[in-house]
PDB file of N, CA and C in Angstrom:
ATOM      1  N   MET A   1      65.173  89.087  56.071  1.00  0.00           N
ATOM      2  CA  MET A   1      65.045  88.877  57.520  1.00  0.00           C
ATOM      3  C   MET A   1      63.888  88.260  58.208  1.00  0.00           C
ATOM      4  N   THR A   2      63.497  86.704  58.866  1.00  0.00           N
ATOM      5  CA  THR A   2      62.645  86.389  59.686  1.00  0.00           C
ATOM      6  C   THR A   2      62.821  86.833  60.563  1.00  0.00           C
ATOM      7  N   ILE A   3      61.252  87.006  61.103  1.00  0.00           N
ATOM      8  CA  ILE A   3      60.772  87.496  62.538  1.00  0.00           C
ATOM      9  C   ILE A   3      60.095  85.628  63.539  1.00  0.00           C
ATOM     10  N   ILE A   4      60.427  85.800  64.414  1.00  0.00           N
ATOM     11  CA  ILE A   4      60.567  84.322  65.191  1.00  0.00           C
ATOM     12  C   ILE A   4      59.920  84.524  66.726  1.00  0.00           C
ATOM     13  N   THR A   5      59.306  83.334  67.436  1.00  0.00           N
ATOM     14  CA  THR A   5      59.179  83.571  68.586  1.00  0.00           C
ATOM     15  C   THR A   5      60.254  83.286  69.245  1.00  0.00           C
ATOM     16  N   ALA A   6      60.248  83.313  70.307  1.00  0.00           N
ATOM     17  CA  ALA A   6      61.130  83.176  71.287  1.00  0.00           C
ATOM     18  C   ALA A   6      61.368  81.550  71.340  1.00  0.00           C
ATOM     19  N   SER A   7      59.915  81.158  71.976  1.00  0.00           N
ATOM     20  CA  SER A   7      59.791  79.651  72.291  1.00  0.00           C
ATOM     21  C   SER A   7      59.976  79.285  70.896  1.00  0.00           C
ATOM     22  N   ASP A   8      59.978  79.529  69.384  1.00  0.00           N
ATOM     23  CA  ASP A   8      60.276  78.730  68.090  1.00  0.00           C
ATOM     24  C   ASP A   8      61.495  78.676  67.923  1.00  0.00           C
ATOM     25  N   PHE A   9      62.332  79.774  68.865  1.00  0.00           N
ATOM     26  CA  PHE A   9      63.987  80.033  68.406  1.00  0.00           C
ATOM     27  C   PHE A   9      64.510  78.966  69.589  1.00  0.00           C
ATOM     28  N   ARG A  10      63.961  78.466  70.239  1.00  0.00           N
ATOM     29  CA  ARG A  10      64.190  77.443  71.340  1.00  0.00           C
ATOM     30  C   ARG A  10      63.860  76.379  71.016  1.00  0.00           C
ATOM     31  N   ALA A  11      63.045  76.171  70.544  1.00  0.00           N
ATOM     32  CA  ALA A  11      62.735  74.701  70.377  1.00  0.00           C
ATOM     33  C   ALA A  11      63.047  73.778  68.844  1.00  0.00           C
ATOM     34  N   SER A  12      63.950  74.887  67.972  1.00  0.00           N
ATOM     35  CA  SER A  12      64.327  74.946  66.744  1.00  0.00           C
ATOM     36  C   SER A  12      65.826  75.158  66.309  1.00  0.00           C
ATOM     37  N   GLN A  13      67.036  75.473  67.520  1.00  0.00           N
ATOM     38  CA  GLN A  13      67.959  76.296  68.124  1.00  0.00           C
ATOM     39  C   GLN A  13      68.551  76.205  66.547  1.00  0.00           C
ATOM     40  N   GLY A  14      68.783  74.388  65.792  1.00  0.00           N
ATOM     41  CA  GLY A  14      69.924  74.050  65.256  1.00  0.00           C
ATOM     42  C   GLY A  14      69.091  74.794  63.713  1.00  0.00           C
ATOM     43  N   LYS A  15      68.073  74.389  63.643  1.00  0.00           N
ATOM     44  CA  LYS A  15      67.823  75.127  62.000  1.00  0.00           C
ATOM     45  C   LYS A  15      68.137  76.711  61.852  1.00  0.00           C
ATOM     46  N   TRP A  16      67.601  77.405  63.341  1.00  0.00           N
ATOM     47  CA  TRP A  16      67.826  78.933  62.962  1.00  0.00           C
ATOM     48  C   TRP A  16      69.478  79.304  62.959  1.00  0.00           C
ATOM     49  N   MET A  17      70.257  78.259  63.665  1.00  0.00           N
ATOM     50  CA  MET A  17      71.747  78.834  63.664  1.00  0.00           C
ATOM     51  C   MET A  17      72.438  78.483  62.513  1.00  0.00           C
ATOM     52  N   ARG A  18      71.799  77.213  61.722  1.00  0.00           N
ATOM     53  CA  ARG A  18      72.389  76.950  60.444  1.00  0.00           C
ATOM     54  C   ARG A  18      71.806  78.172  59.217  1.00  0.00           C
ATOM     55  N   ARG A  19      70.773  78.814  59.574  1.00  0.00           N
ATOM     56  CA  ARG A  19      70.394  79.962  58.443  1.00  0.00           C
ATOM     57  C   ARG A  19      70.904  81.487  59.386  1.00  0.00           C
ATOM     58  N   LEU A  20      71.456  81.444  60.359  1.00  0.00           N
ATOM     59  CA  LEU A  20      72.483  82.216  61.004  1.00  0.00           C
ATOM     60  C   LEU A  20      73.844  81.857  60.324  1.00  0.00           C
ATOM     61  N   ALA A  21      74.297  81.121  60.145  1.00  0.00           N
ATOM     62  CA  ALA A  21      75.549  80.775  59.500  1.00  0.00           C
ATOM     63  C   ALA A  21      75.299  81.199  57.754  1.00  0.00           C
ATOM     64  N   ALA A  22      74.200  80.732  57.287  1.00  0.00           N
ATOM     65  CA  ALA A  22      74.201  81.056  55.657  1.00  0.00           C
ATOM     66  C   ALA A  22      73.841  82.905  56.212  1.00  0.00           C
ATOM     67  N   GLY A  23      73.882  83.808  56.905  1.00  0.00           N
ATOM     68  CA  GLY A  23      74.078  85.013  56.352  1.00  0.00           C
ATOM     69  C   GLY A  23      72.574  85.614  56.994  1.00  0.00           C
ATOM     70  N   GLU A  24      71.595  84.969  56.929  1.00  0.00           N
ATOM     71  CA  GLU A  24      70.365  85.710  57.206  1.00  0.00           C
ATOM     72  C   GLU A  24      69.970  85.952  58.678  1.00  0.00           C
ATOM     73  N   LYS A  25      69.477  87.225  58.680  1.00  0.00           N
ATOM     74  CA  LYS A  25      69.354  87.733  59.776  1.00  0.00           C
ATOM     75  C   LYS A  25      67.756  87.121  59.986  1.00  0.00           C
ATOM     76  N   ILE A  26      67.612  87.300  61.800  1.00  0.00           N
ATOM     77  CA  ILE A  26      66.798  86.968  62.240  1.00  0.00           C
ATOM     78  C   ILE A  26      66.375  88.063  63.359  1.00  0.00           C
ATOM     79  N   ILE A  27      65.086  88.522  63.286  1.00  0.00           N
ATOM     80  CA  ILE A  27      64.616  89.007  64.882  1.00  0.00           C
ATOM     81  C   ILE A  27      63.618  88.023  65.760  1.00  0.00           C
ATOM     82  N   VAL A  28      64.119  88.234  66.845  1.00  0.00           N
ATOM     83  CA  VAL A  28      63.100  86.901  67.963  1.00  0.00           C
ATOM     84  C   VAL A  28      62.398  88.066  68.533  1.00  0.00           C
ATOM     85  N   ARG A  29      61.073  87.584  68.695  1.00  0.00           N
ATOM     86  CA  ARG A  29      60.170  88.006  69.349  1.00  0.00           C
ATOM     87  C   ARG A  29      60.242  87.377  70.943  1.00  0.00           C
ATOM     88  N   SER A  30      60.152  88.185  71.893  1.00  0.00           N
ATOM     89  CA  SER A  30      59.657  87.821  73.288  1.00  0.00           C
ATOM     90  C   SER A  30      58.843  88.763  73.889  1.00  0.00           C
ATOM     91  N   ARG A  31      57.873  88.473  74.596  1.00  0.00           N
ATOM     92  CA  ARG A  31      56.984  89.190  75.191  1.00  0.00           C
ATOM     93  C   ARG A  31      58.370  89.947  76.043  1.00  0.00           C
ATOM     94  N   GLU A  32      59.170  89.220  77.177  1.00  0.00           N
ATOM     95  CA  GLU A  32      59.435  89.970  78.200  1.00  0.00           C
ATOM     96  C   GLU A  32      60.852  90.921  77.986  1.00  0.00           C
ATOM     97  N   TYR A  33      61.424  90.176  76.570  1.00  0.00           N
ATOM     98  CA  TYR A  33      62.549  91.468  76.227  1.00  0.00           C
ATOM     99  C   TYR A  33      62.134  92.108  75.236  1.00  0.00           C
ATOM    100  N   GLY A  34      61.071  91.914  74.953  1.00  0.00           N
ATOM    101  CA  GLY A  34      60.824  92.913  73.380  1.00  0.00           C
ATOM    102  C   GLY A  34      61.182  92.089  72.126  1.00  0.00           C
ATOM    103  N   ASP A  35      61.640  92.539  71.014  1.00  0.00           N
ATOM    104  CA  ASP A  35      62.341  92.322  69.435  1.00  0.00           C
ATOM    105  C   ASP A  35      63.487  92.448  69.444  1.00  0.00           C
ATOM    106  N   MET A  36      64.561  91.260  69.493  1.00  0.00           N
ATOM    107  CA  MET A  36      65.786  91.489  69.184  1.00  0.00           C
ATOM    108  C   MET A  36      66.218  90.699  68.229  1.00  0.00           C
ATOM    109  N   GLN A  37      67.030  91.541  67.587  1.00  0.00           N
ATOM    110  CA  GLN A  37      67.863  90.931  65.965  1.00  0.00           C
ATOM    111  C   GLN A  37      69.205  90.003  66.383  1.00  0.00           C
ATOM    112  N   VAL A  38      69.602  88.853  65.564  1.00  0.00           N
ATOM    113  CA  VAL A  38      70.274  88.211  65.859  1.00  0.00           C
ATOM    114  C   VAL A  38      70.970  87.949  64.173  1.00  0.00           C
ATOM    115  N   THR A  39      72.001  88.539  64.121  1.00  0.00           N
ATOM    116  CA  THR A  39      73.117  87.815  63.726  1.00  0.00           C
ATOM    117  C   THR A  39      74.226  86.900  63.684  1.00  0.00           C
ATOM    118  N   ALA A  40      74.848  86.386  62.739  1.00  0.00           N
ATOM    119  CA  ALA A  40      75.823  85.300  63.231  1.00  0.00           C
ATOM    120  C   ALA A  40      77.203  86.680  62.704  1.00  0.00           C
ATOM    121  N   LYS A  41      78.272  86.612  63.426  1.00  0.00           N
ATOM    122  CA  LYS A  41      79.189  86.681  63.135  1.00  0.00           C
ATOM    123  C   LYS A  41      80.704  85.845  63.395  1.00  0.00           C
ATOM    124  N   PRO A  42      80.866  85.053  62.328  1.00  0.00           N
ATOM    125  CA  PRO A  42      81.989  83.868  62.325  1.00  0.00           C
ATOM    126  C   PRO A  42      82.842  84.094  62.837  1.00  0.00           C
ATOM    127  N   VAL A  43      83.460  83.647  64.300  1.00  0.00           N
ATOM    128  CA  VAL A  43      84.623  83.660  65.312  1.00  0.00           C
ATOM    129  C   VAL A  43      86.214  82.721  64.884  1.00  0.00           C
ATOM    130  N   LYS A  44      86.917  82.969  64.494  1.00  0.00           N
ATOM    131  CA  LYS A  44      87.760  81.663  64.183  1.00  0.00           C
ATOM    132  C   LYS A  44      87.593  81.117  65.662  1.00  0.00           C
ATOM    133  N   LYS A  45      87.739  79.213  65.574  1.00  0.00           N
ATOM    134  CA  LYS A  45      88.265  78.640  66.996  1.00  0.00           C
ATOM    135  C   LYS A  45      89.532  79.186  67.776  1.00  0.00           C
ATOM    136  N   ALA A  46      90.758  79.773  66.851  1.00  0.00           N
ATOM    137  CA  ALA A  46      91.270  80.007  68.329  1.00  0.00           C
ATOM    138  C   ALA A  46      91.389  81.221  68.488  1.00  0.00           C
ATOM    139  N   LYS A  47      90.857  82.293  68.016  1.00  0.00           N
ATOM    140  CA  LYS A  47      90.210  83.776  68.417  1.00  0.00           C
ATOM    141  C   LYS A  47      89.467  83.514  69.599  1.00  0.00           C
ATOM    142  N   ALA A  48      88.487  82.339  69.513  1.00  0.00           N
ATOM    143  CA  ALA A  48      87.567  82.045  70.465  1.00  0.00           C
ATOM    144  C   ALA A  48      88.152  81.167  72.032  1.00  0.00           C
ATOM    145  N   LYS A  49      89.328  80.398  71.511  1.00  0.00           N
ATOM    146  CA  LYS A  49      90.072  79.822  72.721  1.00  0.00           C
ATOM    147  C   LYS A  49      90.301  81.342  73.527  1.00  0.00           C
ATOM    148  N   LYS A  50      90.935  82.117  73.049  1.00  0.00           N
ATOM    149  CA  LYS A  50      92.001  83.309  73.826  1.00  0.00           C
ATOM    150  C   LYS A  50      91.423  84.018  74.382  1.00  0.00           C
ATOM    151  N   GLN A  51      89.439  84.108  73.954  1.00  0.00           N
ATOM    152  CA  GLN A  51      88.664  84.516  74.427  1.00  0.00           C
ATOM    153  C   GLN A  51      88.540  83.828  75.992  1.00  0.00           C
ATOM    154  N   THR A  52      88.135  82.875  75.739  1.00  0.00           N
ATOM    155  CA  THR A  52      88.292  81.745  76.710  1.00  0.00           C
ATOM    156  C   THR A  52      89.131  81.874  78.294  1.00  0.00           C
ATOM    157  N   LYS A  53      90.295  81.760  77.505  1.00  0.00           N
ATOM    158  CA  LYS A  53      91.287  81.935  78.220  1.00  0.00           C
ATOM    159  C   LYS A  53      90.981  83.108  79.177  1.00  0.00           C
ATOM    160  N   ALA A  54      90.817  84.249  78.616  1.00  0.00           N
ATOM    161  CA  ALA A  54      90.643  85.813  79.239  1.00  0.00           C
ATOM    162  C   ALA A  54      89.648  85.210  80.414  1.00  0.00           C
ATOM    163  N   ASP A  55      88.695  84.719  80.022  1.00  0.00           N
ATOM    164  CA  ASP A  55      86.963  84.881  80.742  1.00  0.00           C
ATOM    165  C   ASP A  55      87.708  83.761  82.061  1.00  0.00           C
ATOM    166  N   LYS A  56      88.228  82.786  81.675  1.00  0.00           N
ATOM    167  CA  LYS A  56      88.801  82.298  83.019  1.00  0.00           C
ATOM    168  C   LYS A  56      89.539  82.755  83.942  1.00  0.00           C
ATOM    169  N   GLU A  57      90.690  83.560  83.312  1.00  0.00           N
ATOM    170  CA  GLU A  57      91.431  84.480  84.375  1.00  0.00           C
ATOM    171  C   GLU A  57      91.121  85.726  84.910  1.00  0.00           C
ATOM    172  N   ALA A  58      89.728  86.088  84.094  1.00  0.00           N
ATOM    173  CA  ALA A  58      88.830  87.082  84.813  1.00  0.00           C
ATOM    174  C   ALA A  58      87.783  86.666  86.011  1.00  0.00           C
ATOM    175  N   GLN A  59      87.817  85.354  85.809  1.00  0.00           N
ATOM    176  CA  GLN A  59      86.614  84.419  86.646  1.00  0.00           C
ATOM    177  C   GLN A  59      87.680  84.142  88.286  1.00  0.00           C
ATOM    178  N   ARG A  60      88.868  84.049  87.643  1.00  0.00           N
ATOM    179  CA  ARG A  60      89.510  83.051  88.723  1.00  0.00           C
ATOM    180  C   ARG A  60      90.410  84.801  89.613  1.00  0.00           C
ATOM    181  N   VAL A  61      90.200  86.223  88.797  1.00  0.00           N
ATOM    182  CA  VAL A  61      90.728  87.006  89.737  1.00  0.00           C
ATOM    183  C   VAL A  61      89.292  87.249  90.595  1.00  0.00           C
ATOM    184  N   TYR A  62      88.118  87.357  89.671  1.00  0.00           N
ATOM    185  CA  TYR A  62      87.031  87.767  90.707  1.00  0.00           C
ATOM    186  C   TYR A  62      86.912  86.905  91.909  1.00  0.00           C
ATOM    187  N   ASP A  63      86.800  85.481  91.862  1.00  0.00           N
ATOM    188  CA  ASP A  63      86.591  84.838  92.346  1.00  0.00           C
ATOM    189  C   ASP A  63      87.689  85.117  94.073  1.00  0.00           C
ATOM    190  N   GLY A  64      89.181  85.233  93.839  1.00  0.00           N
ATOM    191  CA  GLY A  64      89.964  85.502  94.186  1.00  0.00           C
ATOM    192  C   GLY A  64      89.810  86.648  95.533  1.00  0.00           C
ATOM    193  N   PHE A  65      89.295  88.007  94.566  1.00  0.00           N
ATOM    194  CA  PHE A  65      88.550  88.932  95.118  1.00  0.00           C
ATOM    195  C   PHE A  65      87.768  88.628  96.304  1.00  0.00           C
ATOM    196  N   ARG A  66      86.748  88.174  95.715  1.00  0.00           N
ATOM    197  CA  ARG A  66      85.470  88.056  96.758  1.00  0.00           C
ATOM    198  C   ARG A  66      85.714  86.724  97.524  1.00  0.00           C
ATOM    199  N   ARG A  67      86.864  85.935  97.726  1.00  0.00           N
ATOM    200  CA  ARG A  67      87.204  85.137  98.451  1.00  0.00           C
ATOM    201  C   ARG A  67      87.709  86.083  99.932  1.00  0.00           C
ATOM    202  N   SER A  68      88.712  87.000  99.736  1.00  0.00           N
ATOM    203  CA  SER A  68      89.436  88.018  99.899  1.00  0.00           C
ATOM    204  C   SER A  68      88.682  88.847 100.656  1.00  0.00           C
ATOM    205  N   LEU A  69      87.287  88.997  99.951  1.00  0.00           N
ATOM    206  CA  LEU A  69      86.557  90.325 101.352  1.00  0.00           C
ATOM    207  C   LEU A  69      85.491  89.379 102.339  1.00  0.00           C
ATOM    208  N   GLN A  70      85.822  88.124 101.817  1.00  0.00           N
ATOM    209  CA  GLN A  70      84.523  87.181 103.019  1.00  0.00           C
ATOM    210  C   GLN A  70      86.375  87.035 104.109  1.00  0.00           C
ATOM    211  N   ASP A  71      86.882  86.703 103.246  1.00  0.00           N
ATOM    212  CA  ASP A  71      87.987  86.743 104.958  1.00  0.00           C
ATOM    213  C   ASP A  71      88.056  88.378 105.653  1.00  0.00           C
ATOM    214  N   TRP A  72      87.893  89.149 104.961  1.00  0.00           N
ATOM    215  CA  TRP A  72      88.185  90.582 105.444  1.00  0.00           C
ATOM    216  C   TRP A  72      86.739  90.587 106.486  1.00  0.00           C
ATOM    217  N   LYS A  73      85.671  90.217 106.318  1.00  0.00           N
ATOM    218  CA  LYS A  73      84.632  90.267 106.656  1.00  0.00           C
ATOM    219  C   LYS A  73      84.571  89.079 107.833  1.00  0.00           C
ATOM    220  N   ASP A  74      85.055  87.818 108.260  1.00  0.00           N
ATOM    221  CA  ASP A  74      85.447  87.267 108.915  1.00  0.00           C
ATOM    222  C   ASP A  74      86.041  88.076 109.903  1.00  0.00           C
ATOM    223  N   PHE A  75      87.188  87.986 109.379  1.00  0.00           N
ATOM    224  CA  PHE A  75      87.989  88.758 110.272  1.00  0.00           C
ATOM    225  C   PHE A  75      87.458  90.140 111.051  1.00  0.00           C
ATOM    226  N   LEU A  76      86.952  90.961 110.468  1.00  0.00           N
ATOM    227  CA  LEU A  76      85.684  92.333 110.922  1.00  0.00           C
ATOM    228  C   LEU A  76      85.316  91.667 112.550  1.00  0.00           C
ATOM    229  N   ALA A  77      84.374  90.563 112.093  1.00  0.00           N
ATOM    230  CA  ALA A  77      83.218  89.764 112.785  1.00  0.00           C
ATOM    231  C   ALA A  77      84.421  89.370 114.353  1.00  0.00           C
ATOM    232  N   GLY A  78      85.389  88.841 113.784  1.00  0.00           N
ATOM    233  CA  GLY A  78      86.382  88.567 115.043  1.00  0.00           C
ATOM    234  C   GLY A  78      87.316  87.055 114.693  1.00  0.00           C
ATOM    235  N   ASP A  79      86.816  86.837 113.620  1.00  0.00           N
ATOM    236  CA  ASP A  79      87.422  85.103 112.825  1.00  0.00           C
ATOM    237  C   ASP A  79      89.149  86.028 112.546  1.00  0.00           C
ATOM    238  N   THR A  80      89.941  85.161 113.135  1.00  0.00           N
ATOM    239  CA  THR A  80      91.172  85.620 112.793  1.00  0.00           C
ATOM    240  C   THR A  80      92.028  84.712 111.952  1.00  0.00           C
ATOM    241  N   THR A  81      91.552  83.340 111.673  1.00  0.00           N
ATOM    242  CA  THR A  81      92.217  82.250 111.601  1.00  0.00           C
ATOM    243  C   THR A  81      92.262  82.298 110.307  1.00  0.00           C
ATOM    244  N   LYS A  82      91.680  82.883 108.959  1.00  0.00           N
ATOM    245  CA  LYS A  82      92.241  83.315 107.767  1.00  0.00           C
ATOM    246  C   LYS A  82      93.345  84.028 107.258  1.00  0.00           C
ATOM    247  N   MET A  83      93.294  85.331 108.298  1.00  0.00           N
ATOM    248  CA  MET A  83      94.116  86.245 107.771  1.00  0.00           C
ATOM    249  C   MET A  83      95.851  86.158 108.234  1.00  0.00           C
ATOM    250  N   LEU A  84      96.714  86.697 107.175  1.00  0.00           N
ATOM    251  CA  LEU A  84      97.830  86.033 106.924  1.00  0.00           C
ATOM    252  C   LEU A  84      98.868  87.216 107.812  1.00  0.00           C
ATOM    253  N   SER A  85      99.719  86.555 108.413  1.00  0.00           N
ATOM    254  CA  SER A  85     100.637  87.620 108.926  1.00  0.00           C
ATOM    255  C   SER A  85     101.231  89.049 107.965  1.00  0.00           C
ATOM    256  N   GLU A  86     101.595  89.636 108.267  1.00  0.00           N
ATOM    257  CA  GLU A  86     102.075  91.053 107.253  1.00  0.00           C
ATOM    258  C   GLU A  86     103.200  90.017 106.603  1.00  0.00           C
ATOM    259  N   GLU A  87     104.188  89.092 107.507  1.00  0.00           N
ATOM    260  CA  GLU A  87     105.236  88.764 106.660  1.00  0.00           C
ATOM    261  C   GLU A  87     104.825  87.776 105.379  1.00  0.00           C
ATOM    262  N   GLU A  88     104.385  86.837 106.339  1.00  0.00           N
ATOM    263  CA  GLU A  88     103.554  86.154 105.267  1.00  0.00           C
ATOM    264  C   GLU A  88     102.607  86.350 103.818  1.00  0.00           C
ATOM    265  N   PHE A  89     101.831  87.514 103.984  1.00  0.00           N
ATOM    266  CA  PHE A  89     101.245  88.674 103.231  1.00  0.00           C
ATOM    267  C   PHE A  89     102.358  88.874 102.227  1.00  0.00           C
ATOM    268  N   LEU A  90     103.052  89.402 102.618  1.00  0.00           N
ATOM    269  CA  LEU A  90     104.318  90.267 101.912  1.00  0.00           C
ATOM    270  C   LEU A  90     104.862  89.143 100.420  1.00  0.00           C
ATOM    271  N   ASN A  91     105.446  87.673 101.450  1.00  0.00           N
ATOM    272  CA  ASN A  91     105.486  86.547 100.549  1.00  0.00           C
ATOM    273  C   ASN A  91     104.887  86.412  99.559  1.00  0.00           C
ATOM    274  N   ALA A  92     103.676  86.505  99.831  1.00  0.00           N
ATOM    275  CA  ALA A  92     102.192  86.126  99.111  1.00  0.00           C
ATOM    276  C   ALA A  92     102.029  86.880  97.737  1.00  0.00           C
ATOM    277  N   VAL A  93     102.629  88.279  98.315  1.00  0.00           N
ATOM    278  CA  VAL A  93     102.365  88.980  97.291  1.00  0.00           C
ATOM    279  C   VAL A  93     103.546  88.864  95.938  1.00  0.00           C
ATOM    280  N   ARG A  94     104.724  88.772  96.860  1.00  0.00           N
ATOM    281  CA  ARG A  94     105.723  88.642  96.056  1.00  0.00           C
ATOM    282  C   ARG A  94     105.690  87.335  94.991  1.00  0.00           C
ATOM    283  N   ASP A  95     105.214  86.168  95.335  1.00  0.00           N
ATOM    284  CA  ASP A  95     104.954  84.884  94.433  1.00  0.00           C
ATOM    285  C   ASP A  95     104.547  85.482  93.118  1.00  0.00           C
TER     286      ASP A  95
END
């Protein structure tokens, strides 16, 4: 186990990543966050891609929700141009 400073970790990330990949445990010492242990757990590329797709889907849903909230706030403020009619809304939900 090796103890290093956060600035050393940032300055030589490649070196520390190689050592992590070799199985070494590293403690990164930070004034702001305190000590943190870093260990490597290899992830298969296919699994990483699946996680990325899930993250993108979650971000897409979150963005849609944020837009909907903003549209609702605009509607309450008097802007009715972004709101769908009941029929348009139901058609959009069915798709």
